[in-house]
């Protein structure tokens, strides 16, 4: 089975080598995030935020060792969008010396895209 068989074509997941990756998914889209995570190289680094209704929605989720997976629970007032915004604020600092880049796909977005600090 090919990645294109599992992911909607509009996501167009294609990070550059060395990009940090960010995935954010709510319940209905966790399978998409899981498929993308399964295709990441072993050296990938980044963050995956998964939002579920409550603890019953939390399960095993495989990702490369340098990609941190965080489960968020709506019953505790946690939000994937808030977590993504906070993570991006930290990971995309504005620095004169260099540009930071994150390649991301978030539930509700039609396509994956690069986000930069520039």
PDB file of N, CA and C in Angstrom:
ATOM      1  N   UNK A   1       0.841  -1.173   0.000  1.00  0.00           N
ATOM      2  CA  UNK A   1       0.000   0.000   0.000  1.00  0.00           C
ATOM      3  C   UNK A   1       0.892   1.244   0.000  1.00  0.00           C
ATOM      4  N   UNK A   2       0.511   2.247  -0.747  1.00  0.00           N
ATOM      5  CA  UNK A   2       1.268   3.484  -0.872  1.00  0.00           C
ATOM      6  C   UNK A   2       0.675   4.570   0.005  1.00  0.00           C
ATOM      7  N   UNK A   3       1.524   5.532   0.404  1.00  0.00           N
ATOM      8  CA  UNK A   3       1.056   6.661   1.187  1.00  0.00           C
ATOM      9  C   UNK A   3      -0.089   7.360   0.475  1.00  0.00           C
ATOM     10  N   UNK A   4      -0.003   7.480  -0.833  1.00  0.00           N
ATOM     11  CA  UNK A   4      -1.053   8.162  -1.595  1.00  0.00           C
ATOM     12  C   UNK A   4      -2.389   7.434  -1.519  1.00  0.00           C
ATOM     13  N   UNK A   5      -2.358   6.134  -1.204  1.00  0.00           N
ATOM     14  CA  UNK A   5      -3.604   5.380  -1.047  1.00  0.00           C
ATOM     15  C   UNK A   5      -4.278   5.688   0.283  1.00  0.00           C
ATOM     16  N   UNK A   6      -3.515   6.158   1.260  1.00  0.00           N
ATOM     17  CA  UNK A   6      -4.030   6.358   2.604  1.00  0.00           C
ATOM     18  C   UNK A   6      -4.328   7.810   2.947  1.00  0.00           C
ATOM     19  N   UNK A   7      -3.610   8.736   2.334  1.00  0.00           N
ATOM     20  CA  UNK A   7      -3.783  10.149   2.651  1.00  0.00           C
ATOM     21  C   UNK A   7      -4.577  10.864   1.576  1.00  0.00           C
ATOM     22  N   UNK A   8      -5.421  11.781   1.982  1.00  0.00           N
ATOM     23  CA  UNK A   8      -6.074  12.603   0.972  1.00  0.00           C
ATOM     24  C   UNK A   8      -5.015  13.313   0.130  1.00  0.00           C
ATOM     25  N   UNK A   9      -5.177  13.327  -1.159  1.00  0.00           N
ATOM     26  CA  UNK A   9      -4.189  13.907  -2.066  1.00  0.00           C
ATOM     27  C   UNK A   9      -3.901  15.368  -1.747  1.00  0.00           C
ATOM     28  N   UNK A  10      -4.862  16.064  -1.192  1.00  0.00           N
ATOM     29  CA  UNK A  10      -4.675  17.491  -0.939  1.00  0.00           C
ATOM     30  C   UNK A  10      -3.691  17.777   0.175  1.00  0.00           C
ATOM     31  N   UNK A  11      -3.395  16.813   1.025  1.00  0.00           N
ATOM     32  CA  UNK A  11      -2.451  17.065   2.111  1.00  0.00           C
ATOM     33  C   UNK A  11      -1.057  17.312   1.558  1.00  0.00           C
ATOM     34  N   UNK A  12      -0.655  16.577   0.534  1.00  0.00           N
ATOM     35  CA  UNK A  12       0.631  16.780  -0.147  1.00  0.00           C
ATOM     36  C   UNK A  12       1.804  16.824   0.828  1.00  0.00           C
ATOM     37  N   UNK A  13       1.948  15.811   1.650  1.00  0.00           N
ATOM     38  CA  UNK A  13       3.001  15.769   2.669  1.00  0.00           C
ATOM     39  C   UNK A  13       4.350  15.621   1.995  1.00  0.00           C
ATOM     40  N   UNK A  14       5.208  16.648   2.111  1.00  0.00           N
ATOM     41  CA  UNK A  14       6.500  16.627   1.445  1.00  0.00           C
ATOM     42  C   UNK A  14       7.501  17.547   2.141  1.00  0.00           C
ATOM     43  N   UNK A  15       7.881  17.225   3.388  1.00  0.00           N
ATOM     44  CA  UNK A  15       8.846  18.090   4.083  1.00  0.00           C
ATOM     45  C   UNK A  15      10.226  17.986   3.466  1.00  0.00           C
ATOM     46  N   UNK A  16      11.017  19.037   3.631  1.00  0.00           N
ATOM     47  CA  UNK A  16      12.415  19.002   3.202  1.00  0.00           C
ATOM     48  C   UNK A  16      13.224  18.249   4.238  1.00  0.00           C
ATOM     49  N   UNK A  17      14.348  17.689   3.809  1.00  0.00           N
ATOM     50  CA  UNK A  17      15.234  17.022   4.753  1.00  0.00           C
ATOM     51  C   UNK A  17      15.701  18.045   5.778  1.00  0.00           C
ATOM     52  N   UNK A  18      15.616  17.712   7.033  1.00  0.00           N
ATOM     53  CA  UNK A  18      16.037  18.611   8.092  1.00  0.00           C
ATOM     54  C   UNK A  18      14.937  19.475   8.673  1.00  0.00           C
ATOM     55  N   UNK A  19      13.767  19.525   8.036  1.00  0.00           N
ATOM     56  CA  UNK A  19      12.651  20.284   8.606  1.00  0.00           C
ATOM     57  C   UNK A  19      12.192  19.628   9.899  1.00  0.00           C
ATOM     58  N   UNK A  20      11.816  20.431  10.876  1.00  0.00           N
ATOM     59  CA  UNK A  20      11.077  19.903  12.017  1.00  0.00           C
ATOM     60  C   UNK A  20       9.665  19.646  11.507  1.00  0.00           C
ATOM     61  N   UNK A  21       9.022  18.614  12.032  1.00  0.00           N
ATOM     62  CA  UNK A  21       7.665  18.313  11.596  1.00  0.00           C
ATOM     63  C   UNK A  21       6.684  18.569  12.728  1.00  0.00           C
ATOM     64  N   UNK A  22       5.484  18.936  12.347  1.00  0.00           N
ATOM     65  CA  UNK A  22       4.410  19.187  13.302  1.00  0.00           C
ATOM     66  C   UNK A  22       3.135  18.592  12.730  1.00  0.00           C
ATOM     67  N   UNK A  23       2.506  17.745  13.506  1.00  0.00           N
ATOM     68  CA  UNK A  23       1.195  17.210  13.146  1.00  0.00           C
ATOM     69  C   UNK A  23       0.244  17.528  14.279  1.00  0.00           C
ATOM     70  N   UNK A  24      -0.943  17.948  13.937  1.00  0.00           N
ATOM     71  CA  UNK A  24      -1.979  18.192  14.932  1.00  0.00           C
ATOM     72  C   UNK A  24      -3.264  17.578  14.437  1.00  0.00           C
ATOM     73  N   UNK A  25      -3.855  16.698  15.232  1.00  0.00           N
ATOM     74  CA  UNK A  25      -5.064  16.019  14.786  1.00  0.00           C
ATOM     75  C   UNK A  25      -6.079  15.884  15.913  1.00  0.00           C
ATOM     76  N   UNK A  26      -7.337  15.977  15.522  1.00  0.00           N
ATOM     77  CA  UNK A  26      -8.435  15.668  16.433  1.00  0.00           C
ATOM     78  C   UNK A  26      -8.908  14.252  16.113  1.00  0.00           C
ATOM     79  N   UNK A  27      -9.769  13.718  16.953  1.00  0.00           N
ATOM     80  CA  UNK A  27     -10.217  12.326  16.871  1.00  0.00           C
ATOM     81  C   UNK A  27     -10.374  11.788  15.451  1.00  0.00           C
ATOM     82  N   UNK A  28     -11.145  12.473  14.636  1.00  0.00           N
ATOM     83  CA  UNK A  28     -11.480  11.984  13.298  1.00  0.00           C
ATOM     84  C   UNK A  28     -10.276  11.915  12.364  1.00  0.00           C
ATOM     85  N   UNK A  29      -9.217  12.656  12.664  1.00  0.00           N
ATOM     86  CA  UNK A  29      -8.057  12.711  11.773  1.00  0.00           C
ATOM     87  C   UNK A  29      -6.808  12.025  12.341  1.00  0.00           C
ATOM     88  N   UNK A  30      -6.940  11.354  13.460  1.00  0.00           N
ATOM     89  CA  UNK A  30      -5.769  10.709  14.061  1.00  0.00           C
ATOM     90  C   UNK A  30      -5.186   9.652  13.131  1.00  0.00           C
ATOM     91  N   UNK A  31      -6.017   8.963  12.366  1.00  0.00           N
ATOM     92  CA  UNK A  31      -5.504   7.957  11.422  1.00  0.00           C
ATOM     93  C   UNK A  31      -4.610   8.603  10.359  1.00  0.00           C
ATOM     94  N   UNK A  32      -4.921   9.810   9.936  1.00  0.00           N
ATOM     95  CA  UNK A  32      -4.077  10.519   8.969  1.00  0.00           C
ATOM     96  C   UNK A  32      -2.727  10.821   9.610  1.00  0.00           C
ATOM     97  N   UNK A  33      -2.733  11.352  10.833  1.00  0.00           N
ATOM     98  CA  UNK A  33      -1.478  11.656  11.535  1.00  0.00           C
ATOM     99  C   UNK A  33      -0.669  10.385  11.745  1.00  0.00           C
ATOM    100  N   UNK A  34      -1.334   9.287  12.040  1.00  0.00           N
ATOM    101  CA  UNK A  34      -0.644   8.019  12.255  1.00  0.00           C
ATOM    102  C   UNK A  34       0.024   7.530  10.968  1.00  0.00           C
ATOM    103  N   UNK A  35      -0.649   7.697   9.853  1.00  0.00           N
ATOM    104  CA  UNK A  35      -0.085   7.298   8.562  1.00  0.00           C
ATOM    105  C   UNK A  35       1.129   8.147   8.221  1.00  0.00           C
ATOM    106  N   UNK A  36       1.034   9.458   8.420  1.00  0.00           N
ATOM    107  CA  UNK A  36       2.170  10.336   8.152  1.00  0.00           C
ATOM    108  C   UNK A  36       3.333   9.971   9.081  1.00  0.00           C
ATOM    109  N   UNK A  37       3.059   9.753  10.357  1.00  0.00           N
ATOM    110  CA  UNK A  37       4.116   9.416  11.316  1.00  0.00           C
ATOM    111  C   UNK A  37       4.840   8.129  10.909  1.00  0.00           C
ATOM    112  N   UNK A  38       4.099   7.197  10.351  1.00  0.00           N
ATOM    113  CA  UNK A  38       4.704   5.927   9.930  1.00  0.00           C
ATOM    114  C   UNK A  38       5.655   6.101   8.753  1.00  0.00           C
ATOM    115  N   UNK A  39       5.526   7.198   8.010  1.00  0.00           N
ATOM    116  CA  UNK A  39       6.396   7.439   6.859  1.00  0.00           C
ATOM    117  C   UNK A  39       7.594   8.312   7.186  1.00  0.00           C
ATOM    118  N   UNK A  40       7.655   8.841   8.411  1.00  0.00           N
ATOM    119  CA  UNK A  40       8.758   9.732   8.775  1.00  0.00           C
ATOM    120  C   UNK A  40      10.057   8.941   8.894  1.00  0.00           C
ATOM    121  N   UNK A  41      11.157   9.532   8.460  1.00  0.00           N
ATOM    122  CA  UNK A  41      12.445   8.850   8.622  1.00  0.00           C
ATOM    123  C   UNK A  41      12.824   8.745  10.098  1.00  0.00           C
ATOM    124  N   UNK A  42      13.672   7.787  10.413  1.00  0.00           N
ATOM    125  CA  UNK A  42      14.095   7.563  11.802  1.00  0.00           C
ATOM    126  C   UNK A  42      14.733   8.804  12.421  1.00  0.00           C
ATOM    127  N   UNK A  43      15.352   9.662  11.607  1.00  0.00           N
ATOM    128  CA  UNK A  43      16.019  10.871  12.110  1.00  0.00           C
ATOM    129  C   UNK A  43      15.081  12.069  12.256  1.00  0.00           C
ATOM    130  N   UNK A  44      13.810  11.896  11.908  1.00  0.00           N
ATOM    131  CA  UNK A  44      12.866  13.018  11.975  1.00  0.00           C
ATOM    132  C   UNK A  44      12.798  13.560  13.395  1.00  0.00           C
ATOM    133  N   UNK A  45      12.522  14.864  13.475  1.00  0.00           N
ATOM    134  CA  UNK A  45      12.329  15.488  14.775  1.00  0.00           C
ATOM    135  C   UNK A  45      11.117  16.399  14.691  1.00  0.00           C
ATOM    136  N   UNK A  46      10.418  16.528  15.804  1.00  0.00           N
ATOM    137  CA  UNK A  46       9.253  17.390  15.816  1.00  0.00           C
ATOM    138  C   UNK A  46       8.255  17.004  16.882  1.00  0.00           C
ATOM    139  N   UNK A  47       6.992  17.331  16.619  1.00  0.00           N
ATOM    140  CA  UNK A  47       5.943  17.164  17.630  1.00  0.00           C
ATOM    141  C   UNK A  47       4.650  16.747  16.974  1.00  0.00           C
ATOM    142  N   UNK A  48       3.904  15.897  17.666  1.00  0.00           N
ATOM    143  CA  UNK A  48       2.576  15.478  17.234  1.00  0.00           C
ATOM    144  C   UNK A  48       1.623  15.713  18.408  1.00  0.00           C
ATOM    145  N   UNK A  49       0.574  16.499  18.165  1.00  0.00           N
ATOM    146  CA  UNK A  49      -0.460  16.751  19.162  1.00  0.00           C
ATOM    147  C   UNK A  49      -1.735  16.051  18.710  1.00  0.00           C
ATOM    148  N   UNK A  50      -2.292  15.223  19.581  1.00  0.00           N
ATOM    149  CA  UNK A  50      -3.493  14.457  19.271  1.00  0.00           C
ATOM    150  C   UNK A  50      -4.566  14.772  20.305  1.00  0.00           C
ATOM    151  N   UNK A  51      -5.705  15.290  19.838  1.00  0.00           N
ATOM    152  CA  UNK A  51      -6.782  15.691  20.747  1.00  0.00           C
ATOM    153  C   UNK A  51      -7.916  14.676  20.707  1.00  0.00           C
ATOM    154  N   UNK A  52      -8.287  14.194  21.899  1.00  0.00           N
ATOM    155  CA  UNK A  52      -9.386  13.237  22.029  1.00  0.00           C
ATOM    156  C   UNK A  52     -10.361  13.738  23.094  1.00  0.00           C
ATOM    157  N   UNK A  53     -11.540  13.125  23.137  1.00  0.00           N
ATOM    158  CA  UNK A  53     -12.569  13.562  24.085  1.00  0.00           C
ATOM    159  C   UNK A  53     -12.157  13.316  25.530  1.00  0.00           C
ATOM    160  N   UNK A  54     -11.599  12.133  25.795  1.00  0.00           N
ATOM    161  CA  UNK A  54     -11.236  11.772  27.169  1.00  0.00           C
ATOM    162  C   UNK A  54     -10.180  10.673  27.146  1.00  0.00           C
ATOM    163  N   UNK A  55      -9.829  10.144  28.296  1.00  0.00           N
ATOM    164  CA  UNK A  55      -8.765   9.146  28.410  1.00  0.00           C
ATOM    165  C   UNK A  55      -9.035   7.887  27.595  1.00  0.00           C
ATOM    166  N   UNK A  56     -10.281   7.575  27.344  1.00  0.00           N
ATOM    167  CA  UNK A  56     -10.618   6.374  26.571  1.00  0.00           C
ATOM    168  C   UNK A  56     -10.101   6.453  25.134  1.00  0.00           C
ATOM    169  N   UNK A  57      -9.849   7.640  24.635  1.00  0.00           N
ATOM    170  CA  UNK A  57      -9.368   7.810  23.267  1.00  0.00           C
ATOM    171  C   UNK A  57      -7.862   7.654  23.105  1.00  0.00           C
ATOM    172  N   UNK A  58      -7.140   7.592  24.206  1.00  0.00           N
ATOM    173  CA  UNK A  58      -5.676   7.490  24.157  1.00  0.00           C
ATOM    174  C   UNK A  58      -5.270   6.043  23.896  1.00  0.00           C
ATOM    175  N   UNK A  59      -4.331   5.869  22.963  1.00  0.00           N
ATOM    176  CA  UNK A  59      -3.865   4.525  22.605  1.00  0.00           C
ATOM    177  C   UNK A  59      -2.416   4.599  22.158  1.00  0.00           C
ATOM    178  N   UNK A  60      -1.844   3.462  21.783  1.00  0.00           N
ATOM    179  CA  UNK A  60      -0.478   3.427  21.252  1.00  0.00           C
ATOM    180  C   UNK A  60      -0.414   4.258  19.979  1.00  0.00           C
ATOM    181  N   UNK A  61       0.673   4.985  19.819  1.00  0.00           N
ATOM    182  CA  UNK A  61       0.879   5.789  18.617  1.00  0.00           C
ATOM    183  C   UNK A  61       2.372   5.794  18.336  1.00  0.00           C
ATOM    184  N   UNK A  62       2.779   5.155  17.256  1.00  0.00           N
ATOM    185  CA  UNK A  62       4.200   5.028  16.924  1.00  0.00           C
ATOM    186  C   UNK A  62       4.717   6.261  16.197  1.00  0.00           C
ATOM    187  N   UNK A  63       5.904   6.697  16.594  1.00  0.00           N
ATOM    188  CA  UNK A  63       6.577   7.833  15.947  1.00  0.00           C
ATOM    189  C   UNK A  63       8.080   7.659  16.148  1.00  0.00           C
ATOM    190  N   UNK A  64       8.886   8.257  15.273  1.00  0.00           N
ATOM    191  CA  UNK A  64      10.341   8.194  15.457  1.00  0.00           C
ATOM    192  C   UNK A  64      10.739   8.748  16.826  1.00  0.00           C
ATOM    193  N   UNK A  65      11.888   8.322  17.312  1.00  0.00           N
ATOM    194  CA  UNK A  65      12.335   8.664  18.651  1.00  0.00           C
ATOM    195  C   UNK A  65      12.445  10.134  18.978  1.00  0.00           C
ATOM    196  N   UNK A  66      12.730  10.981  17.995  1.00  0.00           N
ATOM    197  CA  UNK A  66      12.872  12.420  18.259  1.00  0.00           C
ATOM    198  C   UNK A  66      11.607  13.199  17.923  1.00  0.00           C
ATOM    199  N   UNK A  67      10.505  12.474  17.742  1.00  0.00           N
ATOM    200  CA  UNK A  67       9.205  13.113  17.522  1.00  0.00           C
ATOM    201  C   UNK A  67       8.355  12.817  18.757  1.00  0.00           C
ATOM    202  N   UNK A  68       8.045  13.852  19.497  1.00  0.00           N
ATOM    203  CA  UNK A  68       7.292  13.711  20.743  1.00  0.00           C
ATOM    204  C   UNK A  68       5.789  13.694  20.445  1.00  0.00           C
ATOM    205  N   UNK A  69       5.109  12.699  20.986  1.00  0.00           N
ATOM    206  CA  UNK A  69       3.653  12.578  20.814  1.00  0.00           C
ATOM    207  C   UNK A  69       2.977  13.004  22.114  1.00  0.00           C
ATOM    208  N   UNK A  70       2.045  13.943  22.006  1.00  0.00           N
ATOM    209  CA  UNK A  70       1.319  14.439  23.170  1.00  0.00           C
ATOM    210  C   UNK A  70      -0.176  14.256  22.958  1.00  0.00           C
ATOM    211  N   UNK A  71      -0.808  13.531  23.868  1.00  0.00           N
ATOM    212  CA  UNK A  71      -2.260  13.361  23.841  1.00  0.00           C
ATOM    213  C   UNK A  71      -2.900  14.472  24.653  1.00  0.00           C
ATOM    214  N   UNK A  72      -3.922  15.091  24.094  1.00  0.00           N
ATOM    215  CA  UNK A  72      -4.638  16.178  24.761  1.00  0.00           C
ATOM    216  C   UNK A  72      -6.090  15.752  24.948  1.00  0.00           C
ATOM    217  N   UNK A  73      -6.647  16.063  26.119  1.00  0.00           N
ATOM    218  CA  UNK A  73      -8.013  15.631  26.454  1.00  0.00           C
ATOM    219  C   UNK A  73      -8.938  16.831  26.601  1.00  0.00           C
ATOM    220  N   UNK A  74      -9.988  16.838  25.774  1.00  0.00           N
ATOM    221  CA  UNK A  74     -10.968  17.929  25.859  1.00  0.00           C
ATOM    222  C   UNK A  74     -11.662  17.964  27.220  1.00  0.00           C
ATOM    223  N   UNK A  75     -11.883  16.792  27.857  1.00  0.00           N
ATOM    224  CA  UNK A  75     -12.551  16.780  29.158  1.00  0.00           C
ATOM    225  C   UNK A  75     -11.721  17.470  30.243  1.00  0.00           C
ATOM    226  N   UNK A  76     -10.437  17.675  29.976  1.00  0.00           N
ATOM    227  CA  UNK A  76      -9.568  18.408  30.903  1.00  0.00           C
ATOM    228  C   UNK A  76      -9.333  19.846  30.444  1.00  0.00           C
ATOM    229  N   UNK A  77     -10.043  20.241  29.391  1.00  0.00           N
ATOM    230  CA  UNK A  77      -9.901  21.602  28.878  1.00  0.00           C
ATOM    231  C   UNK A  77      -8.699  21.797  27.971  1.00  0.00           C
ATOM    232  N   UNK A  78      -8.064  20.700  27.548  1.00  0.00           N
ATOM    233  CA  UNK A  78      -6.895  20.795  26.677  1.00  0.00           C
ATOM    234  C   UNK A  78      -7.332  20.915  25.228  1.00  0.00           C
ATOM    235  N   UNK A  79      -6.563  21.646  24.438  1.00  0.00           N
ATOM    236  CA  UNK A  79      -6.910  21.920  23.046  1.00  0.00           C
ATOM    237  C   UNK A  79      -5.703  21.741  22.136  1.00  0.00           C
ATOM    238  N   UNK A  80      -5.895  21.014  21.061  1.00  0.00           N
ATOM    239  CA  UNK A  80      -4.821  20.819  20.085  1.00  0.00           C
ATOM    240  C   UNK A  80      -4.410  22.157  19.484  1.00  0.00           C
ATOM    241  N   UNK A  81      -5.354  22.988  19.111  1.00  0.00           N
ATOM    242  CA  UNK A  81      -5.027  24.289  18.505  1.00  0.00           C
ATOM    243  C   UNK A  81      -4.197  25.152  19.446  1.00  0.00           C
ATOM    244  N   UNK A  82      -4.551  25.185  20.714  1.00  0.00           N
ATOM    245  CA  UNK A  82      -3.786  25.983  21.684  1.00  0.00           C
ATOM    246  C   UNK A  82      -2.376  25.417  21.842  1.00  0.00           C
ATOM    247  N   UNK A  83      -2.262  24.086  21.890  1.00  0.00           N
ATOM    248  CA  UNK A  83      -0.950  23.455  22.028  1.00  0.00           C
ATOM    249  C   UNK A  83      -0.085  23.720  20.803  1.00  0.00           C
ATOM    250  N   UNK A  84      -0.673  23.633  19.620  1.00  0.00           N
ATOM    251  CA  UNK A  84       0.058  23.907  18.376  1.00  0.00           C
ATOM    252  C   UNK A  84       0.549  25.349  18.366  1.00  0.00           C
ATOM    253  N   UNK A  85      -0.326  26.284  18.698  1.00  0.00           N
ATOM    254  CA  UNK A  85       0.064  27.701  18.716  1.00  0.00           C
ATOM    255  C   UNK A  85       1.217  27.954  19.685  1.00  0.00           C
ATOM    256  N   UNK A  86       1.147  27.368  20.875  1.00  0.00           N
ATOM    257  CA  UNK A  86       2.208  27.559  21.867  1.00  0.00           C
ATOM    258  C   UNK A  86       3.522  26.950  21.384  1.00  0.00           C
ATOM    259  N   UNK A  87       3.454  25.754  20.791  1.00  0.00           N
ATOM    260  CA  UNK A  87       4.668  25.089  20.306  1.00  0.00           C
ATOM    261  C   UNK A  87       5.302  25.896  19.182  1.00  0.00           C
ATOM    262  N   UNK A  88       4.479  26.391  18.252  1.00  0.00           N
ATOM    263  CA  UNK A  88       5.016  27.193  17.153  1.00  0.00           C
ATOM    264  C   UNK A  88       5.643  28.489  17.651  1.00  0.00           C
ATOM    265  N   UNK A  89       5.049  29.098  18.652  1.00  0.00           N
ATOM    266  CA  UNK A  89       5.621  30.330  19.210  1.00  0.00           C
ATOM    267  C   UNK A  89       7.020  30.078  19.759  1.00  0.00           C
ATOM    268  N   UNK A  90       7.227  28.879  20.295  1.00  0.00           N
ATOM    269  CA  UNK A  90       8.544  28.536  20.821  1.00  0.00           C
ATOM    270  C   UNK A  90       9.513  28.097  19.723  1.00  0.00           C
ATOM    271  N   UNK A  91       9.020  27.354  18.747  1.00  0.00           N
ATOM    272  CA  UNK A  91       9.887  26.756  17.731  1.00  0.00           C
ATOM    273  C   UNK A  91      10.189  27.674  16.551  1.00  0.00           C
ATOM    274  N   UNK A  92       9.451  28.743  16.400  1.00  0.00           N
ATOM    275  CA  UNK A  92       9.694  29.671  15.291  1.00  0.00           C
ATOM    276  C   UNK A  92      10.067  31.057  15.821  1.00  0.00           C
ATOM    277  N   UNK A  93      11.108  31.121  16.646  1.00  0.00           N
ATOM    278  CA  UNK A  93      11.516  32.439  17.139  1.00  0.00           C
ATOM    279  C   UNK A  93      12.088  33.279  16.002  1.00  0.00           C
ATOM    280  N   UNK A  94      11.933  34.561  16.108  1.00  0.00           N
ATOM    281  CA  UNK A  94      12.504  35.457  15.112  1.00  0.00           C
ATOM    282  C   UNK A  94      13.933  35.774  15.540  1.00  0.00           C
ATOM    283  N   UNK A  95      14.886  35.335  14.743  1.00  0.00           N
ATOM    284  CA  UNK A  95      16.298  35.578  15.016  1.00  0.00           C
ATOM    285  C   UNK A  95      16.946  36.137  13.766  1.00  0.00           C
ATOM    286  N   UNK A  96      17.798  37.121  13.945  1.00  0.00           N
ATOM    287  CA  UNK A  96      18.469  37.726  12.801  1.00  0.00           C
ATOM    288  C   UNK A  96      19.456  36.759  12.148  1.00  0.00           C
ATOM    289  N   UNK A  97      20.030  35.846  12.943  1.00  0.00           N
ATOM    290  CA  UNK A  97      21.102  34.979  12.445  1.00  0.00           C
ATOM    291  C   UNK A  97      20.623  33.846  11.537  1.00  0.00           C
ATOM    292  N   UNK A  98      19.413  33.352  11.760  1.00  0.00           N
ATOM    293  CA  UNK A  98      18.968  32.217  10.953  1.00  0.00           C
ATOM    294  C   UNK A  98      17.452  32.123  10.910  1.00  0.00           C
ATOM    295  N   UNK A  99      16.991  31.395   9.899  1.00  0.00           N
ATOM    296  CA  UNK A  99      15.563  31.151   9.740  1.00  0.00           C
ATOM    297  C   UNK A  99      15.233  29.766  10.304  1.00  0.00           C
ATOM    298  N   UNK A 100      14.143  29.661  11.017  1.00  0.00           N
ATOM    299  CA  UNK A 100      13.660  28.379  11.516  1.00  0.00           C
ATOM    300  C   UNK A 100      12.515  27.939  10.611  1.00  0.00           C
ATOM    301  N   UNK A 101      12.401  26.619  10.372  1.00  0.00           N
ATOM    302  CA  UNK A 101      11.313  26.124   9.533  1.00  0.00           C
ATOM    303  C   UNK A 101      10.705  24.872  10.137  1.00  0.00           C
ATOM    304  N   UNK A 102       9.381  24.821  10.085  1.00  0.00           N
ATOM    305  CA  UNK A 102       8.607  23.672  10.529  1.00  0.00           C
ATOM    306  C   UNK A 102       7.686  23.290   9.380  1.00  0.00           C
ATOM    307  N   UNK A 103       7.593  21.994   9.094  1.00  0.00           N
ATOM    308  CA  UNK A 103       6.665  21.512   8.073  1.00  0.00           C
ATOM    309  C   UNK A 103       5.477  20.921   8.811  1.00  0.00           C
ATOM    310  N   UNK A 104       4.272  21.393   8.518  1.00  0.00           N
ATOM    311  CA  UNK A 104       3.121  21.075   9.353  1.00  0.00           C
ATOM    312  C   UNK A 104       1.879  20.675   8.583  1.00  0.00           C
ATOM    313  N   UNK A 105       1.098  19.837   9.233  1.00  0.00           N
ATOM    314  CA  UNK A 105      -0.285  19.568   8.840  1.00  0.00           C
ATOM    315  C   UNK A 105      -1.114  19.508  10.107  1.00  0.00           C
ATOM    316  N   UNK A 106      -2.226  20.256  10.105  1.00  0.00           N
ATOM    317  CA  UNK A 106      -3.108  20.357  11.257  1.00  0.00           C
ATOM    318  C   UNK A 106      -4.521  20.026  10.804  1.00  0.00           C
ATOM    319  N   UNK A 107      -5.264  19.259  11.617  1.00  0.00           N
ATOM    320  CA  UNK A 107      -6.668  18.967  11.304  1.00  0.00           C
ATOM    321  C   UNK A 107      -7.390  20.252  10.924  1.00  0.00           C
ATOM    322  N   UNK A 108      -8.143  20.182   9.872  1.00  0.00           N
ATOM    323  CA  UNK A 108      -8.878  21.354   9.401  1.00  0.00           C
ATOM    324  C   UNK A 108      -8.152  22.096   8.299  1.00  0.00           C
ATOM    325  N   UNK A 109      -6.829  21.911   8.195  1.00  0.00           N
ATOM    326  CA  UNK A 109      -6.074  22.525   7.098  1.00  0.00           C
ATOM    327  C   UNK A 109      -6.218  21.632   5.874  1.00  0.00           C
ATOM    328  N   UNK A 110      -6.338  22.232   4.734  1.00  0.00           N
ATOM    329  CA  UNK A 110      -6.488  21.438   3.514  1.00  0.00           C
ATOM    330  C   UNK A 110      -5.176  20.826   3.069  1.00  0.00           C
ATOM    331  N   UNK A 111      -4.064  21.509   3.308  1.00  0.00           N
ATOM    332  CA  UNK A 111      -2.772  21.002   2.843  1.00  0.00           C
ATOM    333  C   UNK A 111      -1.715  21.149   3.935  1.00  0.00           C
ATOM    334  N   UNK A 112      -0.665  20.363   3.796  1.00  0.00           N
ATOM    335  CA  UNK A 112       0.505  20.542   4.659  1.00  0.00           C
ATOM    336  C   UNK A 112       1.332  21.670   4.075  1.00  0.00           C
ATOM    337  N   UNK A 113       2.068  22.377   4.904  1.00  0.00           N
ATOM    338  CA  UNK A 113       2.861  23.490   4.396  1.00  0.00           C
ATOM    339  C   UNK A 113       4.017  23.828   5.339  1.00  0.00           C
ATOM    340  N   UNK A 114       4.961  24.527   4.802  1.00  0.00           N
ATOM    341  CA  UNK A 114       6.122  24.966   5.576  1.00  0.00           C
ATOM    342  C   UNK A 114       5.784  26.268   6.279  1.00  0.00           C
ATOM    343  N   UNK A 115       6.168  26.363   7.532  1.00  0.00           N
ATOM    344  CA  UNK A 115       6.013  27.592   8.306  1.00  0.00           C
ATOM    345  C   UNK A 115       7.421  28.042   8.681  1.00  0.00           C
ATOM    346  N   UNK A 116       7.707  29.320   8.501  1.00  0.00           N
ATOM    347  CA  UNK A 116       9.042  29.810   8.812  1.00  0.00           C
ATOM    348  C   UNK A 116       8.990  30.981   9.784  1.00  0.00           C
ATOM    349  N   UNK A 117      10.125  31.246  10.397  1.00  0.00           N
ATOM    350  CA  UNK A 117      10.232  32.371  11.317  1.00  0.00           C
ATOM    351  C   UNK A 117      10.513  33.663  10.568  1.00  0.00           C
ATOM    352  N   UNK A 118      10.719  33.575   9.280  1.00  0.00           N
ATOM    353  CA  UNK A 118      11.055  34.751   8.463  1.00  0.00           C
ATOM    354  C   UNK A 118       9.854  35.652   8.289  1.00  0.00           C
TER     355      UNK A 118
END
